[in-house]
């Protein structure tokens, strides 16, 4: 499949408004793939697969299935859905993503002196670095 590259076109006068010595002046969101049809179709299919226990081995199904009695996982995770029955799930089933990051390692990372904050959800690990400049787009940490 293809996803097109993007370009932002502007007159020199408009572009001049974003010139400056730091990226605080830059047009950082000049283009995006917002509502690109192929990207939207891929995202919709990915969301469907994330909620499908047959396609996503990192999904924890909890609750009682249609046959009664089945109860799933006991480890931590993020609640992502409360759908109607599908793939044998009962109406009381809940779906959670299994945590993929070691809790101890995430806690240890969060205690480092140059780390302002850490968030882990599913396969995402976000680390906010404190570089002393206040962060944001003007940060030189990246």
C-alpha atoms as a PDB file:
ATOM      1  CA  UNK A   1       0.000   0.000   0.000  1.00  0.00           C
ATOM      2  CA  UNK A   2       0.879   3.624  -0.307  1.00  0.00           C
ATOM      3  CA  UNK A   3       0.633   6.632   1.940  1.00  0.00           C
ATOM      4  CA  UNK A   4       1.461   9.898   0.201  1.00  0.00           C
ATOM      5  CA  UNK A   5       4.118  12.305   1.348  1.00  0.00           C
ATOM      6  CA  UNK A   6       2.815  15.738   2.256  1.00  0.00           C
ATOM      7  CA  UNK A   7       3.989  19.225   1.439  1.00  0.00           C
ATOM      8  CA  UNK A   8       3.010  22.614   2.797  1.00  0.00           C
ATOM      9  CA  UNK A   9       3.017  25.352   0.163  1.00  0.00           C
ATOM     10  CA  UNK A  10       2.930  28.998   1.177  1.00  0.00           C
ATOM     11  CA  UNK A  11       3.908  32.384  -0.150  1.00  0.00           C
ATOM     12  CA  UNK A  12       7.206  33.805   1.034  1.00  0.00           C
ATOM     13  CA  UNK A  13       5.269  36.366   3.085  1.00  0.00           C
ATOM     14  CA  UNK A  14       3.391  33.629   4.991  1.00  0.00           C
ATOM     15  CA  UNK A  15       6.546  31.522   5.390  1.00  0.00           C
ATOM     16  CA  UNK A  16       8.416  34.523   6.834  1.00  0.00           C
ATOM     17  CA  UNK A  17       5.979  34.549   9.763  1.00  0.00           C
ATOM     18  CA  UNK A  18       7.452  31.191  10.812  1.00  0.00           C
ATOM     19  CA  UNK A  19      11.155  32.027  10.424  1.00  0.00           C
ATOM     20  CA  UNK A  20      13.134  32.346  13.608  1.00  0.00           C
ATOM     21  CA  UNK A  21      16.171  31.224  15.572  1.00  0.00           C
ATOM     22  CA  UNK A  22      14.330  28.374  17.364  1.00  0.00           C
ATOM     23  CA  UNK A  23      11.669  25.839  16.524  1.00  0.00           C
ATOM     24  CA  UNK A  24       9.198  27.831  18.682  1.00  0.00           C
ATOM     25  CA  UNK A  25       8.697  29.975  15.564  1.00  0.00           C
ATOM     26  CA  UNK A  26       8.359  27.035  13.180  1.00  0.00           C
ATOM     27  CA  UNK A  27       5.203  25.805  11.481  1.00  0.00           C
ATOM     28  CA  UNK A  28       5.440  22.349  13.062  1.00  0.00           C
ATOM     29  CA  UNK A  29       2.013  21.121  11.949  1.00  0.00           C
ATOM     30  CA  UNK A  30       1.971  22.503   8.442  1.00  0.00           C
ATOM     31  CA  UNK A  31       0.774  19.235   6.937  1.00  0.00           C
ATOM     32  CA  UNK A  32      -0.824  16.032   8.107  1.00  0.00           C
ATOM     33  CA  UNK A  33      -2.585  12.943   6.861  1.00  0.00           C
ATOM     34  CA  UNK A  34      -5.890  13.985   8.406  1.00  0.00           C
ATOM     35  CA  UNK A  35      -8.776  12.128   6.776  1.00  0.00           C
ATOM     36  CA  UNK A  36      -6.579  10.532   4.092  1.00  0.00           C
ATOM     37  CA  UNK A  37      -8.861   7.676   2.903  1.00  0.00           C
ATOM     38  CA  UNK A  38      -6.271   4.864   2.880  1.00  0.00           C
ATOM     39  CA  UNK A  39      -4.914   5.943   6.272  1.00  0.00           C
ATOM     40  CA  UNK A  40      -8.453   6.027   7.698  1.00  0.00           C
ATOM     41  CA  UNK A  41      -9.223   2.556   6.296  1.00  0.00           C
ATOM     42  CA  UNK A  42      -6.009   1.158   7.807  1.00  0.00           C
ATOM     43  CA  UNK A  43      -6.777   2.796  11.160  1.00  0.00           C
ATOM     44  CA  UNK A  44     -10.334   1.386  11.178  1.00  0.00           C
ATOM     45  CA  UNK A  45      -9.041  -2.126  10.433  1.00  0.00           C
ATOM     46  CA  UNK A  46      -6.311  -1.798  13.084  1.00  0.00           C
ATOM     47  CA  UNK A  47      -8.919  -0.799  15.684  1.00  0.00           C
ATOM     48  CA  UNK A  48     -11.064  -3.791  14.696  1.00  0.00           C
ATOM     49  CA  UNK A  49      -8.067  -6.117  15.057  1.00  0.00           C
ATOM     50  CA  UNK A  50      -7.068  -4.626  18.425  1.00  0.00           C
ATOM     51  CA  UNK A  51     -10.521  -5.597  19.766  1.00  0.00           C
ATOM     52  CA  UNK A  52     -10.455  -9.118  18.292  1.00  0.00           C
ATOM     53  CA  UNK A  53      -9.023 -11.742  20.691  1.00  0.00           C
ATOM     54  CA  UNK A  54      -8.333 -14.056  17.750  1.00  0.00           C
ATOM     55  CA  UNK A  55      -6.156 -11.412  16.041  1.00  0.00           C
ATOM     56  CA  UNK A  56      -4.600  -9.768  19.107  1.00  0.00           C
ATOM     57  CA  UNK A  57      -2.710 -12.094  21.484  1.00  0.00           C
ATOM     58  CA  UNK A  58      -2.128  -9.154  23.860  1.00  0.00           C
ATOM     59  CA  UNK A  59      -5.840  -8.805  24.560  1.00  0.00           C
ATOM     60  CA  UNK A  60      -7.209 -10.016  27.870  1.00  0.00           C
ATOM     61  CA  UNK A  61     -10.880 -11.045  27.780  1.00  0.00           C
ATOM     62  CA  UNK A  62     -12.577 -10.950  31.177  1.00  0.00           C
ATOM     63  CA  UNK A  63     -16.135 -11.783  32.110  1.00  0.00           C
ATOM     64  CA  UNK A  64     -18.632 -14.513  31.401  1.00  0.00           C
ATOM     65  CA  UNK A  65     -19.019 -15.822  27.866  1.00  0.00           C
ATOM     66  CA  UNK A  66     -22.266 -16.959  26.248  1.00  0.00           C
ATOM     67  CA  UNK A  67     -21.684 -20.521  27.524  1.00  0.00           C
ATOM     68  CA  UNK A  68     -21.236 -19.259  31.073  1.00  0.00           C
ATOM     69  CA  UNK A  69     -18.333 -19.717  33.411  1.00  0.00           C
ATOM     70  CA  UNK A  70     -15.329 -18.476  31.406  1.00  0.00           C
ATOM     71  CA  UNK A  71     -13.267 -15.853  33.170  1.00  0.00           C
ATOM     72  CA  UNK A  72     -10.123 -14.378  31.636  1.00  0.00           C
ATOM     73  CA  UNK A  73      -6.759 -12.978  32.819  1.00  0.00           C
ATOM     74  CA  UNK A  74      -5.835 -11.453  36.131  1.00  0.00           C
ATOM     75  CA  UNK A  75      -2.871  -9.311  35.106  1.00  0.00           C
ATOM     76  CA  UNK A  76      -3.081  -5.523  34.734  1.00  0.00           C
ATOM     77  CA  UNK A  77      -4.109  -3.774  31.574  1.00  0.00           C
ATOM     78  CA  UNK A  78      -5.995  -0.918  29.953  1.00  0.00           C
ATOM     79  CA  UNK A  79      -9.743  -1.282  29.463  1.00  0.00           C
ATOM     80  CA  UNK A  80     -10.325  -0.595  25.782  1.00  0.00           C
ATOM     81  CA  UNK A  81     -13.830  -1.759  24.960  1.00  0.00           C
ATOM     82  CA  UNK A  82     -17.224  -2.886  26.213  1.00  0.00           C
ATOM     83  CA  UNK A  83     -18.711  -4.298  23.013  1.00  0.00           C
ATOM     84  CA  UNK A  84     -21.693  -6.540  22.487  1.00  0.00           C
ATOM     85  CA  UNK A  85     -20.933 -10.264  22.119  1.00  0.00           C
ATOM     86  CA  UNK A  86     -18.459 -11.100  19.360  1.00  0.00           C
ATOM     87  CA  UNK A  87     -16.113 -14.050  18.865  1.00  0.00           C
ATOM     88  CA  UNK A  88     -17.773 -15.891  21.766  1.00  0.00           C
ATOM     89  CA  UNK A  89     -17.644 -12.971  24.212  1.00  0.00           C
ATOM     90  CA  UNK A  90     -20.670 -12.532  26.378  1.00  0.00           C
ATOM     91  CA  UNK A  91     -22.421  -9.231  27.076  1.00  0.00           C
ATOM     92  CA  UNK A  92     -20.547  -8.921  30.391  1.00  0.00           C
ATOM     93  CA  UNK A  93     -17.094  -9.414  28.872  1.00  0.00           C
ATOM     94  CA  UNK A  94     -14.528  -6.629  29.040  1.00  0.00           C
ATOM     95  CA  UNK A  95     -11.346  -6.360  27.008  1.00  0.00           C
ATOM     96  CA  UNK A  96      -8.022  -5.083  28.316  1.00  0.00           C
ATOM     97  CA  UNK A  97      -4.608  -4.744  26.728  1.00  0.00           C
ATOM     98  CA  UNK A  98      -1.910  -6.738  28.473  1.00  0.00           C
ATOM     99  CA  UNK A  99       0.862  -4.489  29.766  1.00  0.00           C
ATOM    100  CA  UNK A 100       3.952  -5.064  27.626  1.00  0.00           C
ATOM    101  CA  UNK A 101       6.342  -2.968  29.724  1.00  0.00           C
ATOM    102  CA  UNK A 102       7.875  -4.339  32.904  1.00  0.00           C
ATOM    103  CA  UNK A 103       6.355  -2.337  35.779  1.00  0.00           C
ATOM    104  CA  UNK A 104       9.617  -2.339  37.745  1.00  0.00           C
ATOM    105  CA  UNK A 105      11.606  -1.029  34.763  1.00  0.00           C
ATOM    106  CA  UNK A 106       9.016   1.713  34.127  1.00  0.00           C
ATOM    107  CA  UNK A 107       9.152   2.757  37.794  1.00  0.00           C
ATOM    108  CA  UNK A 108      12.957   2.745  37.750  1.00  0.00           C
ATOM    109  CA  UNK A 109      12.964   4.866  34.578  1.00  0.00           C
ATOM    110  CA  UNK A 110      10.561   7.352  36.160  1.00  0.00           C
ATOM    111  CA  UNK A 111      12.977   7.910  39.064  1.00  0.00           C
ATOM    112  CA  UNK A 112      15.871   9.100  36.895  1.00  0.00           C
ATOM    113  CA  UNK A 113      16.818  12.724  37.671  1.00  0.00           C
ATOM    114  CA  UNK A 114      16.279  13.980  34.108  1.00  0.00           C
ATOM    115  CA  UNK A 115      12.877  12.288  33.692  1.00  0.00           C
ATOM    116  CA  UNK A 116       9.812  14.407  34.427  1.00  0.00           C
ATOM    117  CA  UNK A 117       7.237  11.693  33.811  1.00  0.00           C
ATOM    118  CA  UNK A 118       6.622   8.244  32.304  1.00  0.00           C
ATOM    119  CA  UNK A 119       3.400   6.795  30.881  1.00  0.00           C
ATOM    120  CA  UNK A 120       3.007   3.218  29.688  1.00  0.00           C
ATOM    121  CA  UNK A 121      -0.174   1.931  28.086  1.00  0.00           C
ATOM    122  CA  UNK A 122      -0.147  -1.297  26.090  1.00  0.00           C
ATOM    123  CA  UNK A 123       2.798  -1.158  23.693  1.00  0.00           C
ATOM    124  CA  UNK A 124       3.328   2.614  24.123  1.00  0.00           C
ATOM    125  CA  UNK A 125       5.993   3.975  26.457  1.00  0.00           C
ATOM    126  CA  UNK A 126       6.190   7.776  26.641  1.00  0.00           C
ATOM    127  CA  UNK A 127       8.992   9.462  28.561  1.00  0.00           C
ATOM    128  CA  UNK A 128       8.895  13.191  29.308  1.00  0.00           C
ATOM    129  CA  UNK A 129      12.491  14.385  29.578  1.00  0.00           C
ATOM    130  CA  UNK A 130      13.313  17.390  31.775  1.00  0.00           C
ATOM    131  CA  UNK A 131      16.037  19.288  29.925  1.00  0.00           C
ATOM    132  CA  UNK A 132      15.759  22.392  32.097  1.00  0.00           C
ATOM    133  CA  UNK A 133      14.307  24.554  29.306  1.00  0.00           C
ATOM    134  CA  UNK A 134      10.646  24.134  30.205  1.00  0.00           C
ATOM    135  CA  UNK A 135       9.878  21.501  27.562  1.00  0.00           C
ATOM    136  CA  UNK A 136       7.389  21.805  24.755  1.00  0.00           C
ATOM    137  CA  UNK A 137       8.334  22.642  21.197  1.00  0.00           C
ATOM    138  CA  UNK A 138      11.280  24.721  22.352  1.00  0.00           C
ATOM    139  CA  UNK A 139      12.887  21.767  24.128  1.00  0.00           C
ATOM    140  CA  UNK A 140      16.305  20.703  22.928  1.00  0.00           C
ATOM    141  CA  UNK A 141      15.966  17.249  24.554  1.00  0.00           C
ATOM    142  CA  UNK A 142      15.131  15.392  21.353  1.00  0.00           C
END
